[in-house]
Amino acid sequence: MDAQEALRWGIVNRVVSADTLMESARELASQITASAPLAVAALKEIYRATSELTVEEGYRLMRSGVLKHYPDVLHSEDASEGPLAFAEKREPQWKGR
C-alpha cells in the first residue's frame, strides 16, 4: 500500500514530502503537547491496551474499569474545562487534574 492509499483508508492523517517531514512532525507534536495531559495519557493507555483487540473487545475493556487513566479523564477538572473554554471562545487552561 502506498502513502496515498493509506491516507484514503484513514491509516495516516496526512502525507507530506520528505523536505517538510520534520516541520510537519513538529507541528503534530505541538498539537499533542497543547492538548489536555490527562486525555493524552488516557489515549496512549487505551491504544496500548486495545490495539490488538476488536472494537467490541476494546470498548468492553474500557468499560471494565481496568484502565487507570480513562475513568480519571471522564471525571476531571479538565473534562469540564474543554467545553467551557470552547463555549467562551478561549484557549483551555489544562491543569492535569
C-alpha atoms as a PDB file:
ATOM      1  CA  MET A   1       0.000   0.000   0.000  1.00  0.00           C
ATOM      2  CA  ASP A   2       1.413   3.400  -0.886  1.00  0.00           C
ATOM      3  CA  ALA A   3       1.076   6.562   1.200  1.00  0.00           C
ATOM      4  CA  GLN A   4      -1.888   7.951  -0.756  1.00  0.00           C
ATOM      5  CA  GLU A   5      -3.852   4.747  -0.311  1.00  0.00           C
ATOM      6  CA  ALA A   6      -3.033   4.723   3.422  1.00  0.00           C
ATOM      7  CA  LEU A   7      -4.409   8.272   3.567  1.00  0.00           C
ATOM      8  CA  ARG A   8      -7.605   7.233   1.771  1.00  0.00           C
ATOM      9  CA  TRP A   9      -8.106   4.379   4.228  1.00  0.00           C
ATOM     10  CA  GLY A  10      -7.526   6.665   7.218  1.00  0.00           C
ATOM     11  CA  ILE A  11      -4.425   4.778   8.330  1.00  0.00           C
ATOM     12  CA  VAL A  12      -2.424   8.018   8.263  1.00  0.00           C
ATOM     13  CA  ASN A  13      -3.779  11.519   8.807  1.00  0.00           C
ATOM     14  CA  ARG A  14      -1.570  13.271   6.261  1.00  0.00           C
ATOM     15  CA  VAL A  15       1.115  12.654   3.684  1.00  0.00           C
ATOM     16  CA  VAL A  16       3.995  15.109   3.394  1.00  0.00           C
ATOM     17  CA  SER A  17       7.109  15.360   1.283  1.00  0.00           C
ATOM     18  CA  ALA A  18      10.480  14.400   2.725  1.00  0.00           C
ATOM     19  CA  ASP A  19      11.604  18.029   2.849  1.00  0.00           C
ATOM     20  CA  THR A  20       8.626  19.041   5.055  1.00  0.00           C
ATOM     21  CA  LEU A  21       8.587  15.895   7.202  1.00  0.00           C
ATOM     22  CA  MET A  22      10.281  17.358  10.296  1.00  0.00           C
ATOM     23  CA  GLU A  23       8.233  20.562  10.161  1.00  0.00           C
ATOM     24  CA  SER A  24       5.048  18.510   9.917  1.00  0.00           C
ATOM     25  CA  ALA A  25       6.143  16.196  12.748  1.00  0.00           C
ATOM     26  CA  ARG A  26       6.929  19.174  14.986  1.00  0.00           C
ATOM     27  CA  GLU A  27       3.538  20.708  14.194  1.00  0.00           C
ATOM     28  CA  LEU A  28       1.791  17.481  15.179  1.00  0.00           C
ATOM     29  CA  ALA A  29       3.897  17.198  18.351  1.00  0.00           C
ATOM     30  CA  SER A  30       2.976  20.777  19.228  1.00  0.00           C
ATOM     31  CA  GLN A  31      -0.726  19.983  18.838  1.00  0.00           C
ATOM     32  CA  ILE A  32      -0.373  16.935  21.088  1.00  0.00           C
ATOM     33  CA  THR A  33       1.544  18.802  23.799  1.00  0.00           C
ATOM     34  CA  ALA A  34      -1.081  21.580  23.772  1.00  0.00           C
ATOM     35  CA  SER A  35      -3.799  19.009  24.497  1.00  0.00           C
ATOM     36  CA  ALA A  36      -5.126  18.055  27.926  1.00  0.00           C
ATOM     37  CA  PRO A  37      -2.408  15.954  29.593  1.00  0.00           C
ATOM     38  CA  LEU A  38      -4.846  13.513  31.193  1.00  0.00           C
ATOM     39  CA  ALA A  39      -6.504  12.920  27.830  1.00  0.00           C
ATOM     40  CA  VAL A  40      -3.156  12.287  26.124  1.00  0.00           C
ATOM     41  CA  ALA A  41      -2.177   9.801  28.865  1.00  0.00           C
ATOM     42  CA  ALA A  42      -5.545   8.059  28.560  1.00  0.00           C
ATOM     43  CA  LEU A  43      -5.297   7.818  24.777  1.00  0.00           C
ATOM     44  CA  LYS A  44      -1.831   6.307  24.998  1.00  0.00           C
ATOM     45  CA  GLU A  45      -3.037   3.777  27.569  1.00  0.00           C
ATOM     46  CA  ILE A  46      -6.151   2.928  25.551  1.00  0.00           C
ATOM     47  CA  TYR A  47      -4.124   2.462  22.365  1.00  0.00           C
ATOM     48  CA  ARG A  48      -1.592   0.192  24.060  1.00  0.00           C
ATOM     49  CA  ALA A  49      -4.322  -1.893  25.695  1.00  0.00           C
ATOM     50  CA  THR A  50      -6.690  -2.186  22.725  1.00  0.00           C
ATOM     51  CA  SER A  51      -4.632  -2.042  19.538  1.00  0.00           C
ATOM     52  CA  GLU A  52      -4.745  -5.825  19.126  1.00  0.00           C
ATOM     53  CA  LEU A  53      -8.442  -6.157  20.072  1.00  0.00           C
ATOM     54  CA  THR A  54     -11.631  -5.921  18.069  1.00  0.00           C
ATOM     55  CA  VAL A  55     -13.691  -2.764  18.512  1.00  0.00           C
ATOM     56  CA  GLU A  56     -16.165  -4.630  20.703  1.00  0.00           C
ATOM     57  CA  GLU A  57     -13.408  -6.088  22.889  1.00  0.00           C
ATOM     58  CA  GLY A  58     -11.754  -2.684  23.166  1.00  0.00           C
ATOM     59  CA  TYR A  59     -14.917  -0.956  24.376  1.00  0.00           C
ATOM     60  CA  ARG A  60     -15.586  -3.801  26.788  1.00  0.00           C
ATOM     61  CA  LEU A  61     -12.101  -3.358  28.250  1.00  0.00           C
ATOM     62  CA  MET A  62     -12.535   0.415  28.532  1.00  0.00           C
ATOM     63  CA  ARG A  63     -15.852  -0.003  30.385  1.00  0.00           C
ATOM     64  CA  SER A  64     -14.453  -2.692  32.695  1.00  0.00           C
ATOM     65  CA  GLY A  65     -12.559  -0.234  34.870  1.00  0.00           C
ATOM     66  CA  VAL A  66      -9.239  -1.971  34.275  1.00  0.00           C
ATOM     67  CA  LEU A  67      -7.662   1.053  32.596  1.00  0.00           C
ATOM     68  CA  LYS A  68      -6.328   3.614  35.080  1.00  0.00           C
ATOM     69  CA  HIS A  69      -6.385   6.852  33.060  1.00  0.00           C
ATOM     70  CA  TYR A  70      -9.672   6.561  31.170  1.00  0.00           C
ATOM     71  CA  PRO A  71     -12.029   7.000  34.174  1.00  0.00           C
ATOM     72  CA  ASP A  72      -9.762   9.748  35.549  1.00  0.00           C
ATOM     73  CA  VAL A  73     -10.308  11.808  32.400  1.00  0.00           C
ATOM     74  CA  LEU A  74     -14.083  11.499  32.479  1.00  0.00           C
ATOM     75  CA  HIS A  75     -14.337  12.971  35.975  1.00  0.00           C
ATOM     76  CA  SER A  76     -11.510  15.518  35.860  1.00  0.00           C
ATOM     77  CA  GLU A  77     -11.481  19.303  36.047  1.00  0.00           C
ATOM     78  CA  ASP A  78     -10.006  19.244  32.542  1.00  0.00           C
ATOM     79  CA  ALA A  79     -13.109  17.415  31.257  1.00  0.00           C
ATOM     80  CA  SER A  80     -15.160  20.454  32.259  1.00  0.00           C
ATOM     81  CA  GLU A  81     -12.559  22.980  31.140  1.00  0.00           C
ATOM     82  CA  GLY A  82     -12.529  21.855  27.494  1.00  0.00           C
ATOM     83  CA  PRO A  83     -16.199  22.501  26.698  1.00  0.00           C
ATOM     84  CA  LEU A  84     -16.227  25.646  28.859  1.00  0.00           C
ATOM     85  CA  ALA A  85     -13.230  27.125  27.031  1.00  0.00           C
ATOM     86  CA  PHE A  86     -14.841  26.257  23.701  1.00  0.00           C
ATOM     87  CA  ALA A  87     -18.118  27.942  24.709  1.00  0.00           C
ATOM     88  CA  GLU A  88     -16.222  31.009  25.922  1.00  0.00           C
ATOM     89  CA  LYS A  89     -14.123  31.051  22.710  1.00  0.00           C
ATOM     90  CA  ARG A  90     -10.810  30.911  24.545  1.00  0.00           C
ATOM     91  CA  GLU A  91      -7.863  28.558  24.817  1.00  0.00           C
ATOM     92  CA  PRO A  92      -8.341  25.927  27.536  1.00  0.00           C
ATOM     93  CA  GLN A  93      -6.189  26.084  30.654  1.00  0.00           C
ATOM     94  CA  TRP A  94      -5.334  22.439  31.308  1.00  0.00           C
ATOM     95  CA  LYS A  95      -4.452  21.564  34.895  1.00  0.00           C
ATOM     96  CA  GLY A  96      -3.916  17.838  34.572  1.00  0.00           C
ATOM     97  CA  ARG A  97      -6.492  17.110  37.226  1.00  0.00           C
END
